[in-house]
């Protein structure tokens, strides 16, 4: 692909990806058609994505320090991800934060997907807590915020864009370094 089209390709990928809600086979199929790519197939691109993305995983600024502080403060941490196994596990492992989490639930592995309240309830069972004792931090209003609330949890909506706020969440978060202060407000 010519360098002049790379930025357009990346932008279009992000649009089609819809914040991770569309699986990449559909994204790549559309990109191949739109950009008239003939050198690689949808499956080639999907295979590269599945096996190589973890090499490029980077946490948001402040995540590692914040996760450490939360764990040191005695909170139990759980992760719920809509995604494929072992793909999501490899991505999470690449961030080197798994030692702080007592529960990691990947949708494909358990046959449930957010916003189904059952996936949130499964995580609470693994953590040995009640849903009303939990605060779920998520970046998708439908899957994360409304799903967690339906399960009985409080919620914090994360979006780095300071102009975007959830009207459903108990609180909004734009910088992970502010999470402890936001937690203190809704506990």
C-alpha atoms as a PDB file:
ATOM      1  CA  UNK A   1       0.000   0.000   0.000  1.00  0.00           C
ATOM      2  CA  UNK A   2       1.425   3.394  -0.918  1.00  0.00           C
ATOM      3  CA  UNK A   3       2.492   5.539   2.027  1.00  0.00           C
ATOM      4  CA  UNK A   4      -0.019   8.174   0.924  1.00  0.00           C
ATOM      5  CA  UNK A   5      -2.909   5.760   1.656  1.00  0.00           C
ATOM      6  CA  UNK A   6      -1.642   4.376   4.973  1.00  0.00           C
ATOM      7  CA  UNK A   7      -3.158   7.110   7.135  1.00  0.00           C
ATOM      8  CA  UNK A   8      -6.502   6.774   5.358  1.00  0.00           C
ATOM      9  CA  UNK A   9      -6.347   2.986   5.851  1.00  0.00           C
ATOM     10  CA  UNK A  10      -5.687   3.391   9.588  1.00  0.00           C
ATOM     11  CA  UNK A  11      -8.510   5.898   9.964  1.00  0.00           C
ATOM     12  CA  UNK A  12     -10.912   3.648   8.095  1.00  0.00           C
ATOM     13  CA  UNK A  13      -9.833   0.649  10.207  1.00  0.00           C
ATOM     14  CA  UNK A  14     -10.681   2.595  13.370  1.00  0.00           C
ATOM     15  CA  UNK A  15     -14.071   3.615  11.969  1.00  0.00           C
ATOM     16  CA  UNK A  16     -14.993   0.068  10.937  1.00  0.00           C
ATOM     17  CA  UNK A  17     -13.660  -1.373  14.199  1.00  0.00           C
ATOM     18  CA  UNK A  18     -16.195   0.717  16.167  1.00  0.00           C
ATOM     19  CA  UNK A  19     -14.150   0.750  19.388  1.00  0.00           C
ATOM     20  CA  UNK A  20     -13.509  -2.986  19.211  1.00  0.00           C
ATOM     21  CA  UNK A  21     -17.147  -4.000  18.778  1.00  0.00           C
ATOM     22  CA  UNK A  22     -16.749  -5.400  15.239  1.00  0.00           C
ATOM     23  CA  UNK A  23     -14.587  -8.483  14.829  1.00  0.00           C
ATOM     24  CA  UNK A  24     -11.624  -7.953  12.532  1.00  0.00           C
ATOM     25  CA  UNK A  25     -12.604 -10.465   9.849  1.00  0.00           C
ATOM     26  CA  UNK A  26     -15.442  -8.127   8.863  1.00  0.00           C
ATOM     27  CA  UNK A  27     -13.189  -5.067   9.197  1.00  0.00           C
ATOM     28  CA  UNK A  28     -10.459  -6.531   6.993  1.00  0.00           C
ATOM     29  CA  UNK A  29     -12.948  -7.836   4.440  1.00  0.00           C
ATOM     30  CA  UNK A  30     -14.343  -4.313   4.062  1.00  0.00           C
ATOM     31  CA  UNK A  31     -10.872  -2.729   3.909  1.00  0.00           C
ATOM     32  CA  UNK A  32      -9.714  -5.145   1.222  1.00  0.00           C
ATOM     33  CA  UNK A  33     -12.731  -4.240  -0.869  1.00  0.00           C
ATOM     34  CA  UNK A  34     -12.480  -0.478  -0.314  1.00  0.00           C
ATOM     35  CA  UNK A  35      -8.729  -0.245  -0.888  1.00  0.00           C
ATOM     36  CA  UNK A  36      -8.726  -2.861  -3.659  1.00  0.00           C
ATOM     37  CA  UNK A  37      -6.028  -4.895  -1.932  1.00  0.00           C
ATOM     38  CA  UNK A  38      -4.990  -7.991  -3.854  1.00  0.00           C
ATOM     39  CA  UNK A  39      -1.648  -8.959  -2.279  1.00  0.00           C
ATOM     40  CA  UNK A  40      -3.128 -10.423   0.939  1.00  0.00           C
ATOM     41  CA  UNK A  41      -6.388 -12.059   1.927  1.00  0.00           C
ATOM     42  CA  UNK A  42      -8.762 -11.290   4.759  1.00  0.00           C
ATOM     43  CA  UNK A  43      -7.462 -14.429   6.493  1.00  0.00           C
ATOM     44  CA  UNK A  44      -3.822 -13.281   6.095  1.00  0.00           C
ATOM     45  CA  UNK A  45      -4.617  -9.961   7.766  1.00  0.00           C
ATOM     46  CA  UNK A  46      -6.673 -11.618  10.489  1.00  0.00           C
ATOM     47  CA  UNK A  47      -3.890 -14.114  11.233  1.00  0.00           C
ATOM     48  CA  UNK A  48      -1.360 -11.284  11.540  1.00  0.00           C
ATOM     49  CA  UNK A  49      -3.712  -9.384  13.841  1.00  0.00           C
ATOM     50  CA  UNK A  50      -4.359 -12.413  16.060  1.00  0.00           C
ATOM     51  CA  UNK A  51      -0.706 -13.358  16.422  1.00  0.00           C
ATOM     52  CA  UNK A  52       1.056 -10.000  16.381  1.00  0.00           C
ATOM     53  CA  UNK A  53      -1.176  -7.414  18.088  1.00  0.00           C
ATOM     54  CA  UNK A  54       0.102  -8.306  21.557  1.00  0.00           C
ATOM     55  CA  UNK A  55       3.553  -7.061  20.504  1.00  0.00           C
ATOM     56  CA  UNK A  56       2.082  -3.558  20.206  1.00  0.00           C
ATOM     57  CA  UNK A  57      -0.157  -3.449  23.299  1.00  0.00           C
ATOM     58  CA  UNK A  58       0.427  -0.374  25.428  1.00  0.00           C
ATOM     59  CA  UNK A  59      -1.639   0.660  28.427  1.00  0.00           C
ATOM     60  CA  UNK A  60      -3.041   4.155  28.779  1.00  0.00           C
ATOM     61  CA  UNK A  61      -0.835   6.568  30.710  1.00  0.00           C
ATOM     62  CA  UNK A  62      -1.205   5.987  34.438  1.00  0.00           C
ATOM     63  CA  UNK A  63      -2.794   2.533  34.223  1.00  0.00           C
ATOM     64  CA  UNK A  64       0.054   0.519  35.743  1.00  0.00           C
ATOM     65  CA  UNK A  65       0.601   2.898  38.658  1.00  0.00           C
ATOM     66  CA  UNK A  66      -3.144   3.162  39.312  1.00  0.00           C
ATOM     67  CA  UNK A  67      -3.662  -0.624  39.220  1.00  0.00           C
ATOM     68  CA  UNK A  68      -0.788  -1.035  41.701  1.00  0.00           C
ATOM     69  CA  UNK A  69      -2.295   1.572  44.050  1.00  0.00           C
ATOM     70  CA  UNK A  70      -5.739  -0.005  43.877  1.00  0.00           C
ATOM     71  CA  UNK A  71      -4.337  -3.461  44.628  1.00  0.00           C
ATOM     72  CA  UNK A  72      -2.218  -2.095  47.498  1.00  0.00           C
ATOM     73  CA  UNK A  73      -5.340  -0.407  48.911  1.00  0.00           C
ATOM     74  CA  UNK A  74      -6.883  -3.860  49.251  1.00  0.00           C
ATOM     75  CA  UNK A  75      -9.345  -3.831  46.399  1.00  0.00           C
ATOM     76  CA  UNK A  76      -9.980  -7.093  44.542  1.00  0.00           C
ATOM     77  CA  UNK A  77      -9.530  -6.617  40.813  1.00  0.00           C
ATOM     78  CA  UNK A  78     -11.310  -8.426  38.025  1.00  0.00           C
ATOM     79  CA  UNK A  79     -11.284  -8.100  34.266  1.00  0.00           C
ATOM     80  CA  UNK A  80     -14.162  -8.903  31.926  1.00  0.00           C
ATOM     81  CA  UNK A  81     -13.456  -8.760  28.201  1.00  0.00           C
ATOM     82  CA  UNK A  82     -15.639  -9.470  25.198  1.00  0.00           C
ATOM     83  CA  UNK A  83     -13.227 -11.217  22.945  1.00  0.00           C
ATOM     84  CA  UNK A  84     -11.594 -14.350  21.719  1.00  0.00           C
ATOM     85  CA  UNK A  85      -9.400 -16.684  23.710  1.00  0.00           C
ATOM     86  CA  UNK A  86      -6.334 -16.883  23.733  1.00  0.00           C
ATOM     87  CA  UNK A  87      -6.072 -13.631  21.766  1.00  0.00           C
ATOM     88  CA  UNK A  88      -7.327 -11.444  24.626  1.00  0.00           C
ATOM     89  CA  UNK A  89      -5.224 -13.345  27.167  1.00  0.00           C
ATOM     90  CA  UNK A  90      -2.047 -12.699  25.156  1.00  0.00           C
ATOM     91  CA  UNK A  91      -2.895  -9.001  24.870  1.00  0.00           C
ATOM     92  CA  UNK A  92      -3.551  -8.702  28.583  1.00  0.00           C
ATOM     93  CA  UNK A  93      -0.363 -10.624  29.443  1.00  0.00           C
ATOM     94  CA  UNK A  94       1.605  -8.221  27.218  1.00  0.00           C
ATOM     95  CA  UNK A  95       0.580  -5.364  29.533  1.00  0.00           C
ATOM     96  CA  UNK A  96       2.222  -7.206  32.466  1.00  0.00           C
ATOM     97  CA  UNK A  97      -0.643  -6.432  34.857  1.00  0.00           C
ATOM     98  CA  UNK A  98      -2.229  -9.850  35.318  1.00  0.00           C
ATOM     99  CA  UNK A  99      -0.624 -10.433  38.724  1.00  0.00           C
ATOM    100  CA  UNK A 100      -2.940  -7.767  40.181  1.00  0.00           C
ATOM    101  CA  UNK A 101      -6.156  -9.465  39.004  1.00  0.00           C
ATOM    102  CA  UNK A 102      -7.965 -12.183  40.932  1.00  0.00           C
ATOM    103  CA  UNK A 103     -10.450 -12.835  38.127  1.00  0.00           C
ATOM    104  CA  UNK A 104     -10.065 -12.650  34.365  1.00  0.00           C
ATOM    105  CA  UNK A 105     -13.161 -13.540  32.342  1.00  0.00           C
ATOM    106  CA  UNK A 106     -12.942 -13.704  28.544  1.00  0.00           C
ATOM    107  CA  UNK A 107     -16.317 -13.943  26.822  1.00  0.00           C
ATOM    108  CA  UNK A 108     -15.421 -16.675  24.345  1.00  0.00           C
ATOM    109  CA  UNK A 109     -14.027 -18.894  27.109  1.00  0.00           C
ATOM    110  CA  UNK A 110     -17.219 -18.730  29.184  1.00  0.00           C
ATOM    111  CA  UNK A 111     -19.828 -18.528  26.413  1.00  0.00           C
ATOM    112  CA  UNK A 112     -21.207 -15.202  27.651  1.00  0.00           C
ATOM    113  CA  UNK A 113     -20.819 -11.640  26.389  1.00  0.00           C
ATOM    114  CA  UNK A 114     -21.270  -8.235  27.922  1.00  0.00           C
ATOM    115  CA  UNK A 115     -23.886  -6.740  28.419  1.00  0.00           C
ATOM    116  CA  UNK A 116     -25.343 -10.067  29.631  1.00  0.00           C
ATOM    117  CA  UNK A 117     -25.485  -9.688  33.419  1.00  0.00           C
ATOM    118  CA  UNK A 118     -24.443 -13.346  33.782  1.00  0.00           C
ATOM    119  CA  UNK A 119     -20.849 -12.548  32.746  1.00  0.00           C
ATOM    120  CA  UNK A 120     -20.632  -9.871  35.451  1.00  0.00           C
ATOM    121  CA  UNK A 121     -22.138 -12.262  37.993  1.00  0.00           C
ATOM    122  CA  UNK A 122     -19.560 -14.906  37.039  1.00  0.00           C
ATOM    123  CA  UNK A 123     -16.748 -12.460  37.766  1.00  0.00           C
ATOM    124  CA  UNK A 124     -18.270 -11.555  41.145  1.00  0.00           C
ATOM    125  CA  UNK A 125     -18.502 -15.246  42.017  1.00  0.00           C
ATOM    126  CA  UNK A 126     -14.829 -15.699  41.164  1.00  0.00           C
ATOM    127  CA  UNK A 127     -13.971 -12.674  43.311  1.00  0.00           C
ATOM    128  CA  UNK A 128     -16.278 -13.897  46.107  1.00  0.00           C
ATOM    129  CA  UNK A 129     -18.108 -10.574  46.328  1.00  0.00           C
ATOM    130  CA  UNK A 130     -21.646  -9.389  45.686  1.00  0.00           C
ATOM    131  CA  UNK A 131     -22.364  -7.244  42.606  1.00  0.00           C
ATOM    132  CA  UNK A 132     -23.425  -4.303  44.786  1.00  0.00           C
ATOM    133  CA  UNK A 133     -19.913  -4.349  46.286  1.00  0.00           C
ATOM    134  CA  UNK A 134     -18.378  -3.811  42.836  1.00  0.00           C
ATOM    135  CA  UNK A 135     -17.517  -0.821  40.730  1.00  0.00           C
ATOM    136  CA  UNK A 136     -17.050  -1.614  37.051  1.00  0.00           C
ATOM    137  CA  UNK A 137     -14.837   0.596  34.903  1.00  0.00           C
ATOM    138  CA  UNK A 138     -15.582   0.335  31.196  1.00  0.00           C
ATOM    139  CA  UNK A 139     -15.313   2.191  27.913  1.00  0.00           C
ATOM    140  CA  UNK A 140     -18.525   1.043  26.233  1.00  0.00           C
ATOM    141  CA  UNK A 141     -21.832   2.449  27.456  1.00  0.00           C
ATOM    142  CA  UNK A 142     -23.968  -0.436  26.228  1.00  0.00           C
ATOM    143  CA  UNK A 143     -21.779  -3.450  26.958  1.00  0.00           C
ATOM    144  CA  UNK A 144     -19.946  -2.195  30.045  1.00  0.00           C
ATOM    145  CA  UNK A 145     -21.967   0.468  31.805  1.00  0.00           C
ATOM    146  CA  UNK A 146     -25.520  -0.729  31.212  1.00  0.00           C
ATOM    147  CA  UNK A 147     -24.499  -4.386  31.523  1.00  0.00           C
ATOM    148  CA  UNK A 148     -22.739  -3.859  34.854  1.00  0.00           C
ATOM    149  CA  UNK A 149     -25.600  -1.747  36.189  1.00  0.00           C
ATOM    150  CA  UNK A 150     -28.104  -4.442  35.221  1.00  0.00           C
ATOM    151  CA  UNK A 151     -26.003  -6.873  37.269  1.00  0.00           C
ATOM    152  CA  UNK A 152     -26.201  -4.497  40.252  1.00  0.00           C
ATOM    153  CA  UNK A 153     -22.795  -2.817  40.064  1.00  0.00           C
ATOM    154  CA  UNK A 154     -21.845   0.839  40.234  1.00  0.00           C
ATOM    155  CA  UNK A 155     -20.059   2.057  37.121  1.00  0.00           C
ATOM    156  CA  UNK A 156     -17.353   4.399  35.919  1.00  0.00           C
ATOM    157  CA  UNK A 157     -17.207   5.257  32.235  1.00  0.00           C
ATOM    158  CA  UNK A 158     -13.696   5.715  30.821  1.00  0.00           C
ATOM    159  CA  UNK A 159     -13.081   7.849  27.770  1.00  0.00           C
ATOM    160  CA  UNK A 160      -9.859   9.849  27.280  1.00  0.00           C
ATOM    161  CA  UNK A 161     -11.845  12.485  25.369  1.00  0.00           C
ATOM    162  CA  UNK A 162     -12.729  15.046  28.053  1.00  0.00           C
ATOM    163  CA  UNK A 163     -15.701  16.197  25.986  1.00  0.00           C
ATOM    164  CA  UNK A 164     -17.399  12.793  26.089  1.00  0.00           C
ATOM    165  CA  UNK A 165     -19.404  11.836  29.172  1.00  0.00           C
ATOM    166  CA  UNK A 166     -21.747   8.968  29.845  1.00  0.00           C
ATOM    167  CA  UNK A 167     -25.211   9.915  30.961  1.00  0.00           C
ATOM    168  CA  UNK A 168     -25.685   6.430  32.443  1.00  0.00           C
ATOM    169  CA  UNK A 169     -22.550   5.847  34.514  1.00  0.00           C
ATOM    170  CA  UNK A 170     -22.212   6.769  38.169  1.00  0.00           C
ATOM    171  CA  UNK A 171     -19.031   8.663  37.290  1.00  0.00           C
ATOM    172  CA  UNK A 172     -16.831   9.549  34.320  1.00  0.00           C
ATOM    173  CA  UNK A 173     -13.078   9.100  34.070  1.00  0.00           C
ATOM    174  CA  UNK A 174     -10.753  10.672  31.507  1.00  0.00           C
ATOM    175  CA  UNK A 175      -7.313   9.923  33.032  1.00  0.00           C
ATOM    176  CA  UNK A 176      -6.530   6.683  34.831  1.00  0.00           C
ATOM    177  CA  UNK A 177      -4.394   8.554  37.336  1.00  0.00           C
ATOM    178  CA  UNK A 178      -7.670  10.087  38.626  1.00  0.00           C
ATOM    179  CA  UNK A 179      -9.317   6.722  39.315  1.00  0.00           C
ATOM    180  CA  UNK A 180      -8.660   6.624  43.080  1.00  0.00           C
ATOM    181  CA  UNK A 181     -10.294  10.046  43.500  1.00  0.00           C
ATOM    182  CA  UNK A 182     -13.285   9.023  41.365  1.00  0.00           C
ATOM    183  CA  UNK A 183     -13.664   5.792  43.357  1.00  0.00           C
ATOM    184  CA  UNK A 184     -13.689   7.768  46.613  1.00  0.00           C
ATOM    185  CA  UNK A 185     -16.601   9.862  45.328  1.00  0.00           C
ATOM    186  CA  UNK A 186     -18.889   6.917  44.524  1.00  0.00           C
ATOM    187  CA  UNK A 187     -18.049   4.426  47.262  1.00  0.00           C
END
